[in-house]
Amino acid sequence: MLDFCLDYGIGRIFPDRTSSLKGLDKLEGMRKLIALAESGAASLTIRESAEEKLAREQRELESDTILALTRLGYKPEIGIANLMAKHKWGRPMAIVTLAGQKAVAAEIAKIIQERKMERAPKPEELDMDDMFSALSE
């Protein structure tokens, strides 16, 4: 782990061409990496930058919007292209506008809920009659 952190720091933090960190920020970044390596941690989590997070969220919103429009019976690419041409917008603005429409937003909420339920463990089967009859006694 120490070797990885040092290699990463030397290869990514110190060179100006690959790092947005400058001066003392570079040394602080290396200090954090070394402290992590010396802590004995067996793994580490790399947090995404603000730019990476924004790009991921935009990709997810576009994907969900296209799926929602398809489920609602529309041809998403035609609608996006028409909106872009009408208002002279870029694709991200057209996606955000479409995603904000009431019917589309409701469908996106369903899609997000479905995605969460796919990852959730299957709930235990309960005998509802037995469970509620015990409460009324």
N, C-alpha and C. Protein backbone atom coordinates (compact mmCIF):
# COMPACT_ATOMS: atom_id res chain seq x y z
N MET A 1 0.82 -1.18 0.00
CA MET A 1 0.00 0.00 0.00
C MET A 1 0.88 1.26 0.00
N LEU A 2 1.94 1.23 0.80
CA LEU A 2 2.84 2.38 0.85
C LEU A 2 3.46 2.64 -0.52
N ASP A 3 3.88 1.56 -1.19
CA ASP A 3 4.47 1.71 -2.53
C ASP A 3 3.46 2.32 -3.50
N PHE A 4 2.21 1.85 -3.42
CA PHE A 4 1.18 2.38 -4.31
C PHE A 4 0.99 3.87 -4.06
N CYS A 5 0.87 4.25 -2.79
CA CYS A 5 0.64 5.66 -2.46
C CYS A 5 1.79 6.54 -2.93
N LEU A 6 3.01 6.07 -2.72
CA LEU A 6 4.16 6.85 -3.16
C LEU A 6 4.21 6.95 -4.68
N ASP A 7 3.98 5.82 -5.36
CA ASP A 7 3.96 5.85 -6.83
C ASP A 7 2.87 6.77 -7.35
N TYR A 8 1.70 6.70 -6.73
CA TYR A 8 0.59 7.55 -7.16
C TYR A 8 0.95 9.02 -6.93
N GLY A 9 1.48 9.31 -5.75
CA GLY A 9 1.84 10.70 -5.43
C GLY A 9 2.90 11.25 -6.34
N ILE A 10 3.93 10.46 -6.59
CA ILE A 10 5.02 10.92 -7.46
C ILE A 10 4.54 11.05 -8.90
N GLY A 11 3.68 10.14 -9.31
CA GLY A 11 3.21 10.17 -10.69
C GLY A 11 2.06 11.12 -10.96
N ARG A 12 1.22 11.39 -9.94
CA ARG A 12 0.01 12.19 -10.18
C ARG A 12 -0.03 13.51 -9.41
N ILE A 13 0.54 13.56 -8.24
CA ILE A 13 0.43 14.79 -7.45
C ILE A 13 1.54 15.77 -7.79
N PHE A 14 2.78 15.29 -7.89
CA PHE A 14 3.88 16.21 -8.11
C PHE A 14 3.97 16.80 -9.51
N PRO A 15 3.76 16.05 -10.57
CA PRO A 15 3.92 16.66 -11.90
C PRO A 15 2.87 17.74 -12.17
N ASP A 16 3.30 18.88 -12.67
CA ASP A 16 2.38 19.98 -12.98
C ASP A 16 1.40 19.59 -14.07
N ARG A 17 1.81 18.77 -15.01
CA ARG A 17 0.97 18.48 -16.16
C ARG A 17 -0.24 17.62 -15.81
N THR A 18 -0.22 16.90 -14.70
CA THR A 18 -1.36 16.03 -14.37
C THR A 18 -2.05 16.43 -13.07
N SER A 19 -1.58 17.47 -12.43
CA SER A 19 -2.14 17.83 -11.13
C SER A 19 -2.59 19.28 -11.12
N SER A 20 -3.74 19.51 -10.54
CA SER A 20 -4.20 20.89 -10.39
C SER A 20 -3.65 21.49 -9.09
N LEU A 21 -3.00 20.65 -8.27
CA LEU A 21 -2.42 21.12 -7.02
C LEU A 21 -1.15 21.91 -7.28
N LYS A 22 -0.92 22.95 -6.50
CA LYS A 22 0.27 23.78 -6.65
C LYS A 22 0.96 23.94 -5.30
N GLY A 23 2.27 24.09 -5.32
CA GLY A 23 3.06 24.43 -4.15
C GLY A 23 2.82 23.55 -2.94
N LEU A 24 2.44 24.19 -1.83
CA LEU A 24 2.26 23.48 -0.57
C LEU A 24 1.10 22.47 -0.63
N ASP A 25 0.15 22.69 -1.52
CA ASP A 25 -0.96 21.73 -1.67
C ASP A 25 -0.44 20.38 -2.14
N LYS A 26 0.61 20.40 -2.96
CA LYS A 26 1.20 19.14 -3.43
C LYS A 26 1.83 18.39 -2.27
N LEU A 27 2.56 19.10 -1.44
CA LEU A 27 3.18 18.46 -0.28
C LEU A 27 2.13 17.94 0.69
N GLU A 28 1.05 18.69 0.86
CA GLU A 28 -0.04 18.24 1.74
C GLU A 28 -0.70 16.98 1.18
N GLY A 29 -0.87 16.93 -0.14
CA GLY A 29 -1.43 15.74 -0.77
C GLY A 29 -0.55 14.52 -0.54
N MET A 30 0.75 14.69 -0.67
CA MET A 30 1.69 13.57 -0.43
C MET A 30 1.65 13.18 1.05
N ARG A 31 1.57 14.16 1.95
CA ARG A 31 1.52 13.85 3.38
C ARG A 31 0.30 13.01 3.70
N LYS A 32 -0.84 13.35 3.11
CA LYS A 32 -2.06 12.58 3.33
C LYS A 32 -1.93 11.16 2.80
N LEU A 33 -1.32 11.01 1.62
CA LEU A 33 -1.13 9.67 1.06
C LEU A 33 -0.22 8.83 1.95
N ILE A 34 0.86 9.41 2.42
CA ILE A 34 1.79 8.66 3.28
C ILE A 34 1.12 8.31 4.60
N ALA A 35 0.36 9.24 5.18
CA ALA A 35 -0.36 8.95 6.42
C ALA A 35 -1.34 7.81 6.22
N LEU A 36 -2.03 7.79 5.08
CA LEU A 36 -2.96 6.70 4.78
C LEU A 36 -2.22 5.38 4.66
N ALA A 37 -1.11 5.40 3.95
CA ALA A 37 -0.34 4.17 3.76
C ALA A 37 0.20 3.64 5.08
N GLU A 38 0.65 4.54 5.94
CA GLU A 38 1.22 4.13 7.22
C GLU A 38 0.15 3.73 8.23
N SER A 39 -1.12 4.05 7.95
CA SER A 39 -2.19 3.72 8.88
C SER A 39 -2.49 2.23 8.91
N GLY A 40 -2.01 1.50 7.90
CA GLY A 40 -2.26 0.07 7.84
C GLY A 40 -3.55 -0.29 7.14
N ALA A 41 -4.20 0.68 6.54
CA ALA A 41 -5.45 0.40 5.82
C ALA A 41 -5.18 -0.57 4.68
N ALA A 42 -6.08 -1.52 4.51
CA ALA A 42 -5.91 -2.52 3.45
C ALA A 42 -6.45 -2.02 2.11
N SER A 43 -7.31 -1.02 2.13
CA SER A 43 -7.86 -0.49 0.89
C SER A 43 -8.12 1.00 1.06
N LEU A 44 -8.40 1.66 -0.04
CA LEU A 44 -8.72 3.07 0.04
C LEU A 44 -9.80 3.39 -0.98
N THR A 45 -10.51 4.46 -0.70
CA THR A 45 -11.57 4.90 -1.59
C THR A 45 -11.14 6.22 -2.21
N ILE A 46 -11.17 6.28 -3.52
CA ILE A 46 -10.82 7.51 -4.22
C ILE A 46 -12.12 8.28 -4.44
N ARG A 47 -12.18 9.49 -3.92
CA ARG A 47 -13.37 10.31 -4.11
C ARG A 47 -13.29 10.99 -5.47
N GLU A 48 -14.44 11.10 -6.10
CA GLU A 48 -14.44 11.75 -7.39
C GLU A 48 -14.40 13.26 -7.20
N SER A 49 -13.77 13.94 -8.14
CA SER A 49 -13.70 15.39 -8.08
C SER A 49 -15.06 15.98 -8.40
N ALA A 50 -15.21 17.26 -8.17
CA ALA A 50 -16.48 17.93 -8.46
C ALA A 50 -16.82 17.82 -9.94
N GLU A 51 -15.80 17.93 -10.80
CA GLU A 51 -16.03 17.84 -12.24
C GLU A 51 -16.47 16.43 -12.62
N GLU A 52 -15.84 15.41 -12.02
CA GLU A 52 -16.21 14.03 -12.30
C GLU A 52 -17.63 13.73 -11.81
N LYS A 53 -17.96 14.26 -10.64
CA LYS A 53 -19.30 14.05 -10.09
C LYS A 53 -20.35 14.71 -10.98
N LEU A 54 -20.09 15.93 -11.43
CA LEU A 54 -21.03 16.63 -12.30
C LEU A 54 -21.21 15.87 -13.61
N ALA A 55 -20.12 15.41 -14.20
CA ALA A 55 -20.20 14.66 -15.46
C ALA A 55 -20.99 13.36 -15.27
N ARG A 56 -20.76 12.65 -14.15
CA ARG A 56 -21.49 11.41 -13.88
C ARG A 56 -22.98 11.69 -13.71
N GLU A 57 -23.30 12.74 -12.94
CA GLU A 57 -24.71 13.09 -12.71
C GLU A 57 -25.40 13.50 -14.02
N GLN A 58 -24.69 14.20 -14.90
CA GLN A 58 -25.27 14.59 -16.19
C GLN A 58 -25.52 13.36 -17.06
N ARG A 59 -24.58 12.41 -17.05
CA ARG A 59 -24.77 11.17 -17.82
C ARG A 59 -25.97 10.40 -17.30
N GLU A 60 -26.09 10.30 -15.98
CA GLU A 60 -27.21 9.57 -15.38
C GLU A 60 -28.54 10.26 -15.69
N LEU A 61 -28.56 11.59 -15.60
CA LEU A 61 -29.79 12.32 -15.89
C LEU A 61 -30.19 12.14 -17.35
N GLU A 62 -29.21 12.19 -18.24
CA GLU A 62 -29.52 12.00 -19.67
C GLU A 62 -30.07 10.60 -19.92
N SER A 63 -29.42 9.61 -19.35
CA SER A 63 -29.87 8.23 -19.51
C SER A 63 -31.28 8.03 -18.96
N ASP A 64 -31.52 8.56 -17.76
CA ASP A 64 -32.85 8.42 -17.14
C ASP A 64 -33.92 9.18 -17.91
N THR A 65 -33.56 10.36 -18.42
CA THR A 65 -34.51 11.16 -19.19
C THR A 65 -34.89 10.46 -20.48
N ILE A 66 -33.90 9.90 -21.17
CA ILE A 66 -34.17 9.18 -22.41
C ILE A 66 -35.06 7.97 -22.14
N LEU A 67 -34.76 7.23 -21.08
CA LEU A 67 -35.59 6.07 -20.72
C LEU A 67 -37.01 6.51 -20.37
N ALA A 68 -37.14 7.59 -19.60
CA ALA A 68 -38.46 8.08 -19.20
C ALA A 68 -39.27 8.51 -20.42
N LEU A 69 -38.65 9.24 -21.32
CA LEU A 69 -39.35 9.67 -22.54
C LEU A 69 -39.79 8.47 -23.37
N THR A 70 -38.93 7.46 -23.46
CA THR A 70 -39.27 6.25 -24.20
C THR A 70 -40.46 5.55 -23.56
N ARG A 71 -40.46 5.44 -22.23
CA ARG A 71 -41.57 4.81 -21.53
C ARG A 71 -42.88 5.57 -21.73
N LEU A 72 -42.76 6.90 -21.87
CA LEU A 72 -43.95 7.73 -22.06
C LEU A 72 -44.43 7.73 -23.51
N GLY A 73 -43.71 7.02 -24.38
CA GLY A 73 -44.14 6.88 -25.76
C GLY A 73 -43.55 7.89 -26.73
N TYR A 74 -42.56 8.65 -26.28
CA TYR A 74 -41.94 9.64 -27.15
C TYR A 74 -40.66 9.08 -27.77
N LYS A 75 -40.20 9.74 -28.82
CA LYS A 75 -38.90 9.42 -29.43
C LYS A 75 -37.92 10.46 -28.90
N PRO A 76 -37.11 10.08 -27.90
CA PRO A 76 -36.28 11.05 -27.18
C PRO A 76 -35.34 11.87 -28.07
N GLU A 77 -34.67 11.22 -29.00
CA GLU A 77 -33.68 11.94 -29.80
C GLU A 77 -34.33 13.02 -30.66
N ILE A 78 -35.54 12.76 -31.14
CA ILE A 78 -36.25 13.76 -31.94
C ILE A 78 -36.62 14.96 -31.06
N GLY A 79 -37.15 14.68 -29.88
CA GLY A 79 -37.52 15.75 -28.95
C GLY A 79 -36.33 16.58 -28.52
N ILE A 80 -35.23 15.91 -28.22
CA ILE A 80 -34.03 16.63 -27.79
C ILE A 80 -33.53 17.51 -28.93
N ALA A 81 -33.46 16.95 -30.14
CA ALA A 81 -32.98 17.71 -31.30
C ALA A 81 -33.88 18.91 -31.58
N ASN A 82 -35.20 18.72 -31.50
CA ASN A 82 -36.14 19.81 -31.75
C ASN A 82 -35.98 20.93 -30.71
N LEU A 83 -35.84 20.55 -29.45
CA LEU A 83 -35.68 21.53 -28.38
C LEU A 83 -34.37 22.31 -28.56
N MET A 84 -33.32 21.60 -28.92
CA MET A 84 -32.02 22.26 -29.15
C MET A 84 -32.13 23.26 -30.30
N ALA A 85 -32.78 22.86 -31.39
CA ALA A 85 -32.90 23.73 -32.56
C ALA A 85 -33.79 24.94 -32.26
N LYS A 86 -34.91 24.70 -31.59
CA LYS A 86 -35.87 25.77 -31.32
C LYS A 86 -35.27 26.88 -30.46
N HIS A 87 -34.54 26.48 -29.41
CA HIS A 87 -34.02 27.46 -28.45
C HIS A 87 -32.53 27.74 -28.63
N LYS A 88 -31.90 27.05 -29.58
CA LYS A 88 -30.45 27.16 -29.80
C LYS A 88 -29.68 26.82 -28.52
N TRP A 89 -30.11 25.74 -27.89
CA TRP A 89 -29.49 25.24 -26.66
C TRP A 89 -28.54 24.11 -26.98
N GLY A 90 -27.66 23.83 -26.04
CA GLY A 90 -26.83 22.64 -26.10
C GLY A 90 -27.63 21.45 -25.58
N ARG A 91 -27.09 20.27 -25.79
CA ARG A 91 -27.77 19.05 -25.35
C ARG A 91 -28.02 19.02 -23.83
N PRO A 92 -27.04 19.43 -23.00
CA PRO A 92 -27.29 19.38 -21.54
C PRO A 92 -28.50 20.22 -21.11
N MET A 93 -28.66 21.41 -21.71
CA MET A 93 -29.79 22.27 -21.34
C MET A 93 -31.11 21.64 -21.79
N ALA A 94 -31.11 21.04 -22.96
CA ALA A 94 -32.33 20.38 -23.45
C ALA A 94 -32.70 19.22 -22.53
N ILE A 95 -31.71 18.45 -22.09
CA ILE A 95 -31.96 17.31 -21.20
C ILE A 95 -32.54 17.79 -19.88
N VAL A 96 -31.93 18.82 -19.30
CA VAL A 96 -32.41 19.35 -18.01
C VAL A 96 -33.84 19.86 -18.13
N THR A 97 -34.14 20.54 -19.23
CA THR A 97 -35.49 21.07 -19.44
C THR A 97 -36.50 19.94 -19.57
N LEU A 98 -36.17 18.93 -20.36
CA LEU A 98 -37.09 17.80 -20.52
C LEU A 98 -37.26 17.04 -19.21
N ALA A 99 -36.16 16.86 -18.47
CA ALA A 99 -36.22 16.13 -17.20
C ALA A 99 -37.10 16.86 -16.18
N GLY A 100 -37.21 18.17 -16.32
CA GLY A 100 -38.01 18.96 -15.38
C GLY A 100 -39.50 18.98 -15.68
N GLN A 101 -39.91 18.43 -16.81
CA GLN A 101 -41.33 18.38 -17.13
C GLN A 101 -42.03 17.41 -16.18
N LYS A 102 -43.23 17.74 -15.77
CA LYS A 102 -43.94 16.99 -14.72
C LYS A 102 -44.01 15.49 -14.99
N ALA A 103 -44.47 15.10 -16.16
CA ALA A 103 -44.63 13.68 -16.47
C ALA A 103 -43.27 12.98 -16.54
N VAL A 104 -42.29 13.66 -17.10
CA VAL A 104 -40.95 13.07 -17.23
C VAL A 104 -40.31 12.94 -15.86
N ALA A 105 -40.43 13.97 -15.04
CA ALA A 105 -39.86 13.93 -13.69
C ALA A 105 -40.47 12.80 -12.86
N ALA A 106 -41.78 12.59 -12.99
CA ALA A 106 -42.44 11.50 -12.27
C ALA A 106 -41.91 10.15 -12.74
N GLU A 107 -41.72 10.01 -14.04
CA GLU A 107 -41.20 8.75 -14.58
C GLU A 107 -39.74 8.53 -14.15
N ILE A 108 -38.95 9.59 -14.11
CA ILE A 108 -37.56 9.49 -13.65
C ILE A 108 -37.53 9.04 -12.20
N ALA A 109 -38.44 9.57 -11.38
CA ALA A 109 -38.51 9.16 -9.97
C ALA A 109 -38.81 7.67 -9.87
N LYS A 110 -39.70 7.17 -10.73
CA LYS A 110 -39.99 5.73 -10.74
C LYS A 110 -38.76 4.92 -11.14
N ILE A 111 -38.03 5.40 -12.13
CA ILE A 111 -36.83 4.71 -12.60
C ILE A 111 -35.79 4.63 -11.48
N ILE A 112 -35.59 5.74 -10.78
CA ILE A 112 -34.62 5.77 -9.69
C ILE A 112 -35.04 4.81 -8.57
N GLN A 113 -36.35 4.80 -8.27
CA GLN A 113 -36.86 3.88 -7.24
C GLN A 113 -36.66 2.43 -7.65
N GLU A 114 -36.93 2.13 -8.92
CA GLU A 114 -36.73 0.76 -9.41
C GLU A 114 -35.26 0.34 -9.28
N ARG A 115 -34.38 1.27 -9.60
CA ARG A 115 -32.94 0.98 -9.51
C ARG A 115 -32.55 0.69 -8.06
N LYS A 116 -33.10 1.46 -7.13
CA LYS A 116 -32.80 1.24 -5.71
C LYS A 116 -33.33 -0.11 -5.25
N MET A 117 -34.52 -0.47 -5.71
CA MET A 117 -35.13 -1.73 -5.30
C MET A 117 -34.37 -2.93 -5.86
N GLU A 118 -33.72 -2.77 -7.01
CA GLU A 118 -32.91 -3.86 -7.57
C GLU A 118 -31.75 -4.18 -6.65
N ARG A 119 -31.22 -3.17 -5.96
CA ARG A 119 -30.08 -3.37 -5.08
C ARG A 119 -30.49 -3.75 -3.67
N ALA A 120 -31.74 -3.50 -3.32
CA ALA A 120 -32.20 -3.80 -1.97
C ALA A 120 -32.40 -5.30 -1.80
N PRO A 121 -32.14 -5.81 -0.60
CA PRO A 121 -32.39 -7.24 -0.37
C PRO A 121 -33.89 -7.52 -0.45
N LYS A 122 -34.22 -8.71 -0.89
CA LYS A 122 -35.62 -9.10 -1.01
C LYS A 122 -36.23 -9.17 0.40
N PRO A 123 -37.37 -8.51 0.60
CA PRO A 123 -37.96 -8.52 1.94
C PRO A 123 -38.48 -9.91 2.30
N GLU A 124 -38.49 -10.17 3.59
CA GLU A 124 -39.00 -11.45 4.10
C GLU A 124 -40.50 -11.52 3.87
N GLU A 125 -40.98 -12.68 3.45
CA GLU A 125 -42.42 -12.87 3.23
C GLU A 125 -43.11 -12.97 4.59
N LEU A 126 -44.15 -12.19 4.78
CA LEU A 126 -44.90 -12.19 6.04
C LEU A 126 -46.33 -12.66 5.80
N ASP A 127 -46.90 -13.31 6.79
CA ASP A 127 -48.32 -13.66 6.75
C ASP A 127 -49.07 -12.44 7.29
N MET A 128 -49.60 -11.63 6.38
CA MET A 128 -50.23 -10.38 6.77
C MET A 128 -51.45 -10.59 7.66
N ASP A 129 -52.25 -11.61 7.38
CA ASP A 129 -53.44 -11.88 8.19
C ASP A 129 -53.05 -12.19 9.63
N ASP A 130 -52.04 -13.04 9.78
CA ASP A 130 -51.58 -13.43 11.10
C ASP A 130 -50.99 -12.22 11.83
N MET A 131 -50.22 -11.42 11.12
CA MET A 131 -49.57 -10.28 11.75
C MET A 131 -50.58 -9.25 12.26
N PHE A 132 -51.60 -8.95 11.48
CA PHE A 132 -52.57 -7.93 11.89
C PHE A 132 -53.62 -8.47 12.84
N SER A 133 -53.89 -9.75 12.80
CA SER A 133 -54.84 -10.29 13.74
C SER A 133 -54.26 -10.28 15.15
N ALA A 134 -52.96 -10.44 15.29
CA ALA A 134 -52.32 -10.41 16.59
C ALA A 134 -52.38 -9.00 17.18
N LEU A 135 -52.36 -7.98 16.36
CA LEU A 135 -52.42 -6.60 16.86
C LEU A 135 -53.80 -6.24 17.38
N SER A 136 -54.83 -6.81 16.82
CA SER A 136 -56.19 -6.43 17.22
C SER A 136 -56.67 -7.16 18.48
N GLU A 137 -55.93 -8.16 18.93
CA GLU A 137 -56.36 -8.92 20.11
C GLU A 137 -56.01 -8.22 21.40
